[in-house]
Amino acid sequence: MRVQTLLGALFLLAGIFQMITAVLIYQGERHYILRFANRKVGIVIYVIFSILLFYLAYRTFNAQPDATPVKP
């Protein structure tokens, strides 16, 4: 497995978990972010962070490999 594929999968998984956290905050679960911000701000923070992670996963999966081969 290439490192690029592994990073893409990790970014995708992290984005999914951040989106799940945003949904749980929306449903009223207690979370440490609520000590610093209200519920709506916490949801926005986690949604933006999950979109960023989804974008990184997209860029990682669609990145072109280097043209020069790596010497063993």
Protein backbone atom coordinates (compact mmCIF):
# COMPACT_ATOMS: atom_id res chain seq x y z
CA MET A 1 0.00 0.00 0.00
CA ARG A 2 1.37 3.39 -0.95
CA VAL A 3 1.74 6.11 1.64
CA GLN A 4 -0.46 8.35 -0.52
CA THR A 5 -3.34 5.86 -0.29
CA LEU A 6 -2.85 5.45 3.44
CA LEU A 7 -2.92 9.21 4.03
CA GLY A 8 -6.03 9.58 1.88
CA ALA A 9 -7.81 6.88 3.87
CA LEU A 10 -6.79 8.46 7.17
CA PHE A 11 -8.00 11.91 6.08
CA LEU A 12 -11.29 10.40 4.93
CA LEU A 13 -11.78 8.52 8.19
CA ALA A 14 -10.94 11.60 10.26
CA GLY A 15 -13.42 13.68 8.23
CA ILE A 16 -16.15 11.13 8.87
CA PHE A 17 -15.48 11.17 12.61
CA GLN A 18 -15.49 14.98 12.69
CA MET A 19 -18.84 15.01 10.91
CA ILE A 20 -20.22 12.47 13.40
CA THR A 21 -19.02 14.73 16.23
CA ALA A 22 -20.82 17.70 14.65
CA VAL A 23 -24.05 15.68 14.45
CA LEU A 24 -23.71 14.57 18.08
CA ILE A 25 -23.20 18.17 19.21
CA TYR A 26 -26.29 19.14 17.19
CA GLN A 27 -28.29 16.41 18.96
CA GLY A 28 -27.33 17.85 22.34
CA GLU A 29 -24.45 15.67 23.52
CA ARG A 30 -21.99 17.33 25.88
CA HIS A 31 -18.60 18.06 24.35
CA TYR A 32 -15.50 19.92 25.52
CA ILE A 33 -15.86 22.51 22.73
CA LEU A 34 -19.04 23.70 24.44
CA ARG A 35 -16.95 25.12 27.29
CA PHE A 36 -15.48 27.67 24.87
CA ALA A 37 -18.29 28.26 22.38
CA ASN A 38 -22.01 27.73 22.15
CA ARG A 39 -23.59 24.83 20.29
CA LYS A 40 -23.94 26.50 16.88
CA VAL A 41 -20.34 27.72 16.82
CA GLY A 42 -19.12 24.25 17.84
CA ILE A 43 -21.11 22.66 15.02
CA VAL A 44 -19.70 25.14 12.49
CA ILE A 45 -16.14 24.52 13.70
CA TYR A 46 -16.46 20.75 13.34
CA VAL A 47 -18.21 20.96 9.95
CA ILE A 48 -15.48 23.25 8.58
CA PHE A 49 -12.80 20.94 9.95
CA SER A 50 -14.47 17.88 8.42
CA ILE A 51 -14.81 19.61 5.03
CA LEU A 52 -11.10 20.46 5.20
CA LEU A 53 -10.27 16.82 5.92
CA PHE A 54 -12.52 15.62 3.08
CA TYR A 55 -10.73 18.05 0.75
CA LEU A 56 -7.33 16.77 1.88
CA ALA A 57 -8.48 13.20 1.27
CA TYR A 58 -9.69 14.16 -2.21
CA ARG A 59 -6.40 15.90 -3.04
CA THR A 60 -4.38 13.00 -1.66
CA PHE A 61 -6.29 10.34 -3.60
CA ASN A 62 -6.12 12.35 -6.85
CA ALA A 63 -2.49 13.48 -6.58
CA GLN A 64 -0.24 12.45 -9.41
CA PRO A 65 2.85 10.41 -8.53
CA ASP A 66 6.28 11.86 -9.18
CA ALA A 67 7.65 11.45 -12.72
CA THR A 68 11.09 10.45 -11.47
CA PRO A 69 11.38 6.93 -10.09
CA VAL A 70 12.83 6.42 -6.63
CA LYS A 71 16.17 4.63 -6.54
CA PRO A 72 16.22 1.53 -4.32
